[in-house]
Structures are given as C-alpha cells and as structure tokens.
C-alpha cells in the first residue's frame, strides 16, 4: 500500500503541497482534473483553498476527494 496524506497545503496554480505518512514531501498538480465532472467546481479558488487531509487523502468542503493512491503516484 502506498503512503497516505497526513498534511496538505494549497498553493498557487491549483497545486497541492503534500506530506505523506512516510514523511515524503511532494506536489500534486490538480489542473488536469479541473475540466472533468465535479472537479470543475475546484476552479473556484475559495473552494480550492478549503482542502484538508482526511482519512489518508485530500478532501474539500463540497465533499470532493481523490483516491489516495492517485495522489501519491501522480505527485512529484
């Protein structure tokens, strides 16, 4: 199983700075997701900035979350 998110900080340009349970620090680019379904709601920076770590992944106030494996594997 991949490490899980323990901390997240929203950055400019729809980037997320992540710290994982193995203490790796990575950045996830959300831009490729913003034109798909419910993720388009996150184009609103106020909503985007509500991101928090929960249950090993990231979630927003409107209930959107992302698979924790995707977050880990697609972060650089």
C-alpha atoms as a PDB file:
ATOM      1  CA  UNK A   1       0.000   0.000   0.000  1.00  0.00           C
ATOM      2  CA  UNK A   2       1.212   3.489  -0.837  1.00  0.00           C
ATOM      3  CA  UNK A   3       1.787   6.092   1.881  1.00  0.00           C
ATOM      4  CA  UNK A   4      -1.203   8.239   2.773  1.00  0.00           C
ATOM      5  CA  UNK A   5      -1.553  12.015   3.046  1.00  0.00           C
ATOM      6  CA  UNK A   6      -1.043  13.416   6.521  1.00  0.00           C
ATOM      7  CA  UNK A   7      -0.857  17.125   5.639  1.00  0.00           C
ATOM      8  CA  UNK A   8      -1.850  19.277   2.653  1.00  0.00           C
ATOM      9  CA  UNK A   9      -1.304  22.926   1.788  1.00  0.00           C
ATOM     10  CA  UNK A  10      -2.969  24.604  -1.210  1.00  0.00           C
ATOM     11  CA  UNK A  11      -0.565  26.522  -3.452  1.00  0.00           C
ATOM     12  CA  UNK A  12      -0.983  28.870  -6.431  1.00  0.00           C
ATOM     13  CA  UNK A  13      -1.888  27.464  -9.850  1.00  0.00           C
ATOM     14  CA  UNK A  14      -4.005  24.623  -8.388  1.00  0.00           C
ATOM     15  CA  UNK A  15      -1.053  22.825  -6.860  1.00  0.00           C
ATOM     16  CA  UNK A  16      -1.166  20.934  -3.572  1.00  0.00           C
ATOM     17  CA  UNK A  17       1.867  20.537  -1.344  1.00  0.00           C
ATOM     18  CA  UNK A  18       1.579  17.177   0.389  1.00  0.00           C
ATOM     19  CA  UNK A  19       3.327  15.440   3.262  1.00  0.00           C
ATOM     20  CA  UNK A  20       2.802  11.695   3.361  1.00  0.00           C
ATOM     21  CA  UNK A  21       2.898   9.227   6.233  1.00  0.00           C
ATOM     22  CA  UNK A  22       6.442   8.215   5.204  1.00  0.00           C
ATOM     23  CA  UNK A  23       7.423  11.934   5.543  1.00  0.00           C
ATOM     24  CA  UNK A  24       7.904  12.376   1.793  1.00  0.00           C
ATOM     25  CA  UNK A  25       7.024  15.854   0.573  1.00  0.00           C
ATOM     26  CA  UNK A  26       5.502  16.066  -2.907  1.00  0.00           C
ATOM     27  CA  UNK A  27       3.420  18.368  -5.083  1.00  0.00           C
ATOM     28  CA  UNK A  28       0.216  17.321  -6.858  1.00  0.00           C
ATOM     29  CA  UNK A  29      -0.998  19.285  -9.891  1.00  0.00           C
ATOM     30  CA  UNK A  30      -4.789  19.402  -9.911  1.00  0.00           C
ATOM     31  CA  UNK A  31      -5.049  21.337 -13.211  1.00  0.00           C
ATOM     32  CA  UNK A  32      -5.531  18.221 -15.434  1.00  0.00           C
ATOM     33  CA  UNK A  33      -8.648  17.313 -13.412  1.00  0.00           C
ATOM     34  CA  UNK A  34     -10.361  20.711 -13.453  1.00  0.00           C
ATOM     35  CA  UNK A  35     -12.324  20.113 -16.665  1.00  0.00           C
ATOM     36  CA  UNK A  36     -13.839  16.801 -15.543  1.00  0.00           C
ATOM     37  CA  UNK A  37     -17.155  16.464 -13.749  1.00  0.00           C
ATOM     38  CA  UNK A  38     -17.358  17.689 -10.192  1.00  0.00           C
ATOM     39  CA  UNK A  39     -13.676  18.675 -10.158  1.00  0.00           C
ATOM     40  CA  UNK A  40     -14.594  21.746 -12.241  1.00  0.00           C
ATOM     41  CA  UNK A  41     -16.052  23.228  -9.027  1.00  0.00           C
ATOM     42  CA  UNK A  42     -12.485  23.489  -7.718  1.00  0.00           C
ATOM     43  CA  UNK A  43     -11.699  26.211 -10.281  1.00  0.00           C
ATOM     44  CA  UNK A  44     -13.178  28.469  -7.607  1.00  0.00           C
ATOM     45  CA  UNK A  45     -10.088  29.390  -5.570  1.00  0.00           C
ATOM     46  CA  UNK A  46     -12.131  29.905  -2.393  1.00  0.00           C
ATOM     47  CA  UNK A  47     -13.328  26.306  -2.592  1.00  0.00           C
ATOM     48  CA  UNK A  48      -9.933  25.010  -3.749  1.00  0.00           C
ATOM     49  CA  UNK A  49      -8.330  26.561  -0.667  1.00  0.00           C
ATOM     50  CA  UNK A  50     -10.648  24.617   1.680  1.00  0.00           C
ATOM     51  CA  UNK A  51      -8.630  21.435   1.045  1.00  0.00           C
ATOM     52  CA  UNK A  52      -7.640  19.369   4.068  1.00  0.00           C
ATOM     53  CA  UNK A  53      -6.126  15.972   4.801  1.00  0.00           C
ATOM     54  CA  UNK A  54      -8.646  13.374   5.921  1.00  0.00           C
ATOM     55  CA  UNK A  55      -8.549   9.581   6.098  1.00  0.00           C
ATOM     56  CA  UNK A  56      -5.247   9.456   4.195  1.00  0.00           C
ATOM     57  CA  UNK A  57      -6.278  11.581   1.229  1.00  0.00           C
ATOM     58  CA  UNK A  58      -7.369  15.151   0.464  1.00  0.00           C
ATOM     59  CA  UNK A  59     -10.944  16.438   0.670  1.00  0.00           C
ATOM     60  CA  UNK A  60     -12.684  19.738   0.036  1.00  0.00           C
ATOM     61  CA  UNK A  61     -15.636  21.351   1.796  1.00  0.00           C
ATOM     62  CA  UNK A  62     -18.022  20.322  -1.003  1.00  0.00           C
ATOM     63  CA  UNK A  63     -17.192  16.618  -0.443  1.00  0.00           C
ATOM     64  CA  UNK A  64     -14.812  16.089  -3.362  1.00  0.00           C
ATOM     65  CA  UNK A  65     -11.912  13.754  -2.658  1.00  0.00           C
ATOM     66  CA  UNK A  66      -9.257  11.965  -4.697  1.00  0.00           C
ATOM     67  CA  UNK A  67      -8.065   8.387  -4.460  1.00  0.00           C
ATOM     68  CA  UNK A  68      -5.048   8.377  -2.102  1.00  0.00           C
ATOM     69  CA  UNK A  69      -3.091   6.118  -4.467  1.00  0.00           C
ATOM     70  CA  UNK A  70      -3.622   8.583  -7.326  1.00  0.00           C
ATOM     71  CA  UNK A  71      -2.454  11.445  -5.117  1.00  0.00           C
ATOM     72  CA  UNK A  72       0.741   9.603  -4.205  1.00  0.00           C
ATOM     73  CA  UNK A  73       1.586   8.114  -7.609  1.00  0.00           C
ATOM     74  CA  UNK A  74       0.892  11.278  -9.638  1.00  0.00           C
ATOM     75  CA  UNK A  75       2.670  13.703  -7.289  1.00  0.00           C
ATOM     76  CA  UNK A  76       6.218  14.827  -7.965  1.00  0.00           C
END
